[in-house]
Structures are given as structure tokens and as C-alpha cells.
C-alpha atoms as a PDB file:
ATOM      1  CA  MET A   1     111.259 123.995  94.152  1.00  0.00           C
ATOM      2  CA  LYS A   2     108.709 122.095  95.849  1.00  0.00           C
ATOM      3  CA  ILE A   3     104.725 123.149  95.472  1.00  0.00           C
ATOM      4  CA  LYS A   4     101.944 121.856  96.818  1.00  0.00           C
ATOM      5  CA  ILE A   5      98.381 122.153  96.052  1.00  0.00           C
ATOM      6  CA  HIS A   6      95.876 122.146  98.559  1.00  0.00           C
ATOM      7  CA  THR A   7      91.593 122.140  96.697  1.00  0.00           C
ATOM      8  CA  SER A   8      88.561 122.505  98.072  1.00  0.00           C
ATOM      9  CA  LEU A   9      85.449 122.188  96.542  1.00  0.00           C
ATOM     10  CA  VAL A  10      82.556 124.663  97.711  1.00  0.00           C
ATOM     11  CA  ASP A  11      78.810 124.618  97.230  1.00  0.00           C
ATOM     12  CA  ASN A  12      78.475 128.650  97.426  1.00  0.00           C
ATOM     13  CA  MET A  13      80.621 129.445  94.305  1.00  0.00           C
ATOM     14  CA  PRO A  14      79.404 130.155  91.120  1.00  0.00           C
ATOM     15  CA  LYS A  15      79.630 127.211  88.765  1.00  0.00           C
ATOM     16  CA  ASP A  16      82.395 128.670  86.294  1.00  0.00           C
ATOM     17  CA  GLU A  17      84.961 130.371  88.838  1.00  0.00           C
ATOM     18  CA  VAL A  18      87.831 129.459  90.444  1.00  0.00           C
ATOM     19  CA  GLU A  19      89.296 131.464  93.319  1.00  0.00           C
ATOM     20  CA  ILE A  20      93.128 131.233  94.141  1.00  0.00           C
ATOM     21  CA  MET A  21      95.373 132.188  96.775  1.00  0.00           C
ATOM     22  CA  LEU A  22      99.586 131.535  95.880  1.00  0.00           C
ATOM     23  CA  LYS A  23     101.518 131.972  98.846  1.00  0.00           C
ATOM     24  CA  ALA A  24     105.379 132.137  98.330  1.00  0.00           C
ATOM     25  CA  SER A  25     108.785 133.766 100.057  1.00  0.00           C
ATOM     26  CA  LYS A  26     109.339 137.205  98.837  1.00  0.00           C
ATOM     27  CA  ASP A  27     112.184 136.177  96.915  1.00  0.00           C
ATOM     28  CA  CYS A  28     110.332 133.549  94.936  1.00  0.00           C
ATOM     29  CA  THR A  29     111.584 133.304  90.742  1.00  0.00           C
ATOM     30  CA  MET A  30     108.716 130.843  89.977  1.00  0.00           C
ATOM     31  CA  LEU A  31     105.699 132.859  91.303  1.00  0.00           C
ATOM     32  CA  ASN A  32     105.245 135.416  88.289  1.00  0.00           C
ATOM     33  CA  LYS A  33     105.778 132.289  85.678  1.00  0.00           C
ATOM     34  CA  ILE A  34     102.816 130.892  87.672  1.00  0.00           C
ATOM     35  CA  ILE A  35     101.008 133.802  87.530  1.00  0.00           C
ATOM     36  CA  GLU A  36     101.458 134.132  84.253  1.00  0.00           C
ATOM     37  CA  ASN A  37     100.696 130.477  83.240  1.00  0.00           C
ATOM     38  CA  ILE A  38      96.871 131.211  85.084  1.00  0.00           C
ATOM     39  CA  GLN A  39      96.407 134.245  83.037  1.00  0.00           C
ATOM     40  CA  CYS A  40      96.816 132.810  80.230  1.00  0.00           C
ATOM     41  CA  ILE A  41      94.442 130.320  81.176  1.00  0.00           C
ATOM     42  CA  SER A  42      92.032 132.192  82.621  1.00  0.00           C
ATOM     43  CA  GLU A  43      92.328 134.573  79.020  1.00  0.00           C
ATOM     44  CA  GLN A  44      91.541 131.363  76.665  1.00  0.00           C
ATOM     45  CA  MET A  45      88.575 131.706  74.452  1.00  0.00           C
ATOM     46  CA  ASP A  46      85.865 129.290  74.776  1.00  0.00           C
ATOM     47  CA  THR A  47      83.798 130.802  72.405  1.00  0.00           C
ATOM     48  CA  ILE A  48      83.603 132.952  69.477  1.00  0.00           C
ATOM     49  CA  ILE A  49      80.846 135.158  67.556  1.00  0.00           C
ATOM     50  CA  GLY A  50      80.859 134.607  64.456  1.00  0.00           C
ATOM     51  CA  MET A  51      78.365 136.243  61.498  1.00  0.00           C
ATOM     52  CA  LYS A  52      77.194 134.508  58.789  1.00  0.00           C
ATOM     53  CA  ASN A  53      73.614 135.008  56.271  1.00  0.00           C
ATOM     54  CA  ASN A  54      72.796 137.980  58.549  1.00  0.00           C
ATOM     55  CA  SER A  55      72.657 135.876  61.469  1.00  0.00           C
ATOM     56  CA  ILE A  56      75.165 135.675  65.103  1.00  0.00           C
ATOM     57  CA  SER A  57      76.417 132.998  66.182  1.00  0.00           C
ATOM     58  CA  ILE A  58      78.443 131.735  69.338  1.00  0.00           C
ATOM     59  CA  ILE A  59      81.139 129.098  68.105  1.00  0.00           C
ATOM     60  CA  PRO A  60      83.016 127.042  70.347  1.00  0.00           C
ATOM     61  CA  VAL A  61      86.588 127.792  70.044  1.00  0.00           C
ATOM     62  CA  GLN A  62      87.150 123.898  69.866  1.00  0.00           C
ATOM     63  CA  ASP A  63      84.732 123.339  66.563  1.00  0.00           C
ATOM     64  CA  VAL A  64      86.690 125.329  64.876  1.00  0.00           C
ATOM     65  CA  ILE A  65      88.928 123.689  61.969  1.00  0.00           C
ATOM     66  CA  TYR A  66      91.035 126.932  61.053  1.00  0.00           C
ATOM     67  CA  PHE A  67      90.774 130.993  61.497  1.00  0.00           C
ATOM     68  CA  PHE A  68      91.619 132.557  57.980  1.00  0.00           C
ATOM     69  CA  SER A  69      91.828 136.195  56.179  1.00  0.00           C
ATOM     70  CA  LYS A  70      89.955 137.008  53.206  1.00  0.00           C
ATOM     71  CA  GLU A  71      89.472 140.168  50.912  1.00  0.00           C
ATOM     72  CA  GLN A  72      90.715 141.966  54.209  1.00  0.00           C
ATOM     73  CA  HIS A  73      88.108 140.066  56.821  1.00  0.00           C
ATOM     74  CA  ASN A  74      89.089 137.494  59.225  1.00  0.00           C
ATOM     75  CA  TYR A  75      86.708 134.320  59.271  1.00  0.00           C
ATOM     76  CA  CYS A  76      86.307 131.062  61.087  1.00  0.00           C
ATOM     77  CA  LYS A  77      85.891 127.771  59.176  1.00  0.00           C
ATOM     78  CA  THR A  78      83.725 125.085  61.154  1.00  0.00           C
ATOM     79  CA  GLU A  79      81.933 121.562  59.806  1.00  0.00           C
ATOM     80  CA  LYS A  80      78.764 124.200  59.582  1.00  0.00           C
ATOM     81  CA  GLY A  81      80.014 126.502  57.315  1.00  0.00           C
ATOM     82  CA  GLU A  82      82.213 130.034  57.069  1.00  0.00           C
ATOM     83  CA  PHE A  83      81.924 132.940  59.835  1.00  0.00           C
ATOM     84  CA  ARG A  84      82.542 136.174  59.428  1.00  0.00           C
ATOM     85  CA  LEU A  85      84.920 137.373  62.956  1.00  0.00           C
ATOM     86  CA  LYS A  86      85.241 141.012  64.690  1.00  0.00           C
ATOM     87  CA  LYS A  87      88.921 139.861  65.877  1.00  0.00           C
ATOM     88  CA  LYS A  88      92.280 140.574  64.048  1.00  0.00           C
ATOM     89  CA  MET A  89      94.308 137.941  63.973  1.00  0.00           C
ATOM     90  CA  TYR A  90      96.944 138.758  66.566  1.00  0.00           C
ATOM     91  CA  GLU A  91      93.869 139.000  69.134  1.00  0.00           C
ATOM     92  CA  LEU A  92      93.009 135.084  68.006  1.00  0.00           C
ATOM     93  CA  GLU A  93      96.677 133.876  68.209  1.00  0.00           C
ATOM     94  CA  GLU A  94      97.031 135.788  71.509  1.00  0.00           C
ATOM     95  CA  ASN A  95      93.955 134.459  73.373  1.00  0.00           C
ATOM     96  CA  LEU A  96      93.875 130.701  71.546  1.00  0.00           C
ATOM     97  CA  ASP A  97      95.310 127.723  73.376  1.00  0.00           C
ATOM     98  CA  LYS A  98      98.806 127.336  72.319  1.00  0.00           C
ATOM     99  CA  LYS A  99      99.009 123.298  72.423  1.00  0.00           C
ATOM    100  CA  GLN A 100      95.572 123.568  70.097  1.00  0.00           C
ATOM    101  CA  PHE A 101      96.137 125.906  67.609  1.00  0.00           C
ATOM    102  CA  ILE A 102      99.193 126.942  65.524  1.00  0.00           C
ATOM    103  CA  ARG A 103      99.914 129.798  63.811  1.00  0.00           C
ATOM    104  CA  ILE A 104     100.599 128.454  60.269  1.00  0.00           C
ATOM    105  CA  SER A 105     101.010 132.040  58.280  1.00  0.00           C
ATOM    106  CA  ASN A 106      99.821 135.572  58.341  1.00  0.00           C
ATOM    107  CA  SER A 107      96.414 134.613  57.294  1.00  0.00           C
ATOM    108  CA  CYS A 108      95.813 131.039  58.984  1.00  0.00           C
ATOM    109  CA  ILE A 109      95.510 129.750  62.435  1.00  0.00           C
ATOM    110  CA  ALA A 110      95.164 126.025  62.346  1.00  0.00           C
ATOM    111  CA  ASN A 111      93.351 123.789  65.040  1.00  0.00           C
ATOM    112  CA  VAL A 112      95.757 120.808  65.299  1.00  0.00           C
ATOM    113  CA  LYS A 113      92.745 118.396  66.100  1.00  0.00           C
ATOM    114  CA  TYR A 114      91.075 118.934  62.748  1.00  0.00           C
ATOM    115  CA  ILE A 115      94.640 118.459  61.034  1.00  0.00           C
ATOM    116  CA  LYS A 116      94.788 115.316  58.464  1.00  0.00           C
ATOM    117  CA  ASN A 117      98.269 115.986  57.998  1.00  0.00           C
ATOM    118  CA  PHE A 118     101.221 117.711  57.270  1.00  0.00           C
ATOM    119  CA  ASP A 119     102.632 117.361  53.501  1.00  0.00           C
ATOM    120  CA  LEU A 120     106.268 118.188  52.921  1.00  0.00           C
ATOM    121  CA  SER A 121     106.792 116.572  49.755  1.00  0.00           C
ATOM    122  CA  LYS A 122     107.257 119.905  47.377  1.00  0.00           C
ATOM    123  CA  ILE A 123     111.050 120.825  48.600  1.00  0.00           C
ATOM    124  CA  GLY A 124     111.153 124.146  51.176  1.00  0.00           C
ATOM    125  CA  SER A 125     107.485 124.325  51.706  1.00  0.00           C
ATOM    126  CA  ILE A 126     104.564 122.362  53.968  1.00  0.00           C
ATOM    127  CA  VAL A 127     101.112 122.196  53.011  1.00  0.00           C
ATOM    128  CA  VAL A 128      99.018 121.738  55.858  1.00  0.00           C
ATOM    129  CA  ARG A 129      95.291 119.338  54.996  1.00  0.00           C
ATOM    130  CA  PHE A 130      92.892 119.633  56.992  1.00  0.00           C
ATOM    131  CA  MET A 131      89.919 116.480  57.810  1.00  0.00           C
ATOM    132  CA  ASP A 132      87.826 118.639  55.468  1.00  0.00           C
ATOM    133  CA  ASP A 133      90.231 118.256  52.446  1.00  0.00           C
ATOM    134  CA  THR A 134      91.365 121.819  52.193  1.00  0.00           C
ATOM    135  CA  THR A 135      94.565 122.782  52.763  1.00  0.00           C
ATOM    136  CA  SER A 136      96.778 125.751  53.561  1.00  0.00           C
ATOM    137  CA  LEU A 137     100.257 126.566  52.814  1.00  0.00           C
ATOM    138  CA  VAL A 138     102.746 127.174  56.007  1.00  0.00           C
ATOM    139  CA  SER A 139     104.385 130.622  55.329  1.00  0.00           C
ATOM    140  CA  LYS A 140     108.549 130.036  54.783  1.00  0.00           C
ATOM    141  CA  ARG A 141     108.819 132.630  57.695  1.00  0.00           C
ATOM    142  CA  ARG A 142     106.513 129.810  60.532  1.00  0.00           C
ATOM    143  CA  ILE A 143     108.523 126.590  58.987  1.00  0.00           C
ATOM    144  CA  SER A 144     110.792 126.338  61.348  1.00  0.00           C
ATOM    145  CA  TYR A 145     108.036 127.177  64.125  1.00  0.00           C
ATOM    146  CA  VAL A 146     105.808 124.605  62.743  1.00  0.00           C
ATOM    147  CA  MET A 147     108.574 122.179  62.474  1.00  0.00           C
ATOM    148  CA  LYS A 148     109.501 122.486  66.813  1.00  0.00           C
ATOM    149  CA  PHE A 149     106.110 122.172  67.027  1.00  0.00           C
ATOM    150  CA  LEU A 150     105.850 119.112  65.384  1.00  0.00           C
ATOM    151  CA  LYS A 151     109.025 117.525  67.053  1.00  0.00           C
ATOM    152  CA  GLU A 152     107.415 118.787  70.872  1.00  0.00           C
ATOM    153  CA  ARG A 153     104.800 116.698  69.853  1.00  0.00           C
ATOM    154  CA  GLY A 154     105.956 113.905  68.856  1.00  0.00           C
ATOM    155  CA  ASN A 155     107.951 113.017  71.836  1.00  0.00           C
END
């Protein structure tokens, strides 16, 4: 399959808007995959709303160290502290960049850029150590997924 990309930069478009036109034959099998990938990119979150001490903050997603659940609420941890979120963990997982965030348990989604290391010294488990020296355990159900993620990143 051959893909041609033509770009045109114009002054009269809104700053954060991109218009894409796709042309393909009727029997093109890759068209749906291309559309899905474009939709995935456009649906990714850039910011999230968090609450702390009766104030609401707009937090850039790239500043989040990890998302976690505690006492039936969801939070995000940043260098500025913990913020309570309205979003559910599955909503976060669906809308976060899958190259930057990895779900390591039912209660934790980690930002890869803030992971210091993966400790494999305990047999049968993986401990994730973050840059701020907090840790989280990879659930047994997610170990194979995390190992696959690490292998893909290592190549």
C-alpha cells in the first residue's frame, strides 16, 4: 500500500484545528485503521480537571506522575500534590496516550516518563518505583502486559 501525504498550512484556520481529507478506493482495507488512529489521537486528553482544598485546577496530563484510586475516589499525583478527579479509571485509560501511560493495576495508571525503574527482584511480582520514590505493585493480571510493553520499548 502506498500512502501520499499533502500538507497545506493556512492562516485562516483556528490555531488548534486540523482538517484532514482522505481519498481511497472503495475496497481499501487500511482506511478504517487510519481513521481509527486519527480519532484516537484527537480524543487524547491534554489536560484534566482536578480538585484540591476546595479549589479546581487544570492539570496538563504530561505533568501527572500517576493516576490512582483510593477510598472509592480517583486521584492524580503530580509534583504539586494529589488532586481528586471526577473521571473513572476506565475513562482515563481509554483517553490517555497509550505510549505515555500504562495501566499497571486496577487502581493505578502510570506515566512512563516518571518511572524510575521496574523492580523484578521479588519472584512473581513487579514493583514500579517512580521518580518521587513512591512505589506501586503491578497486579498479577497485568504482569504479562507490562512485560510486553517493556519489550516493545526496549527495541
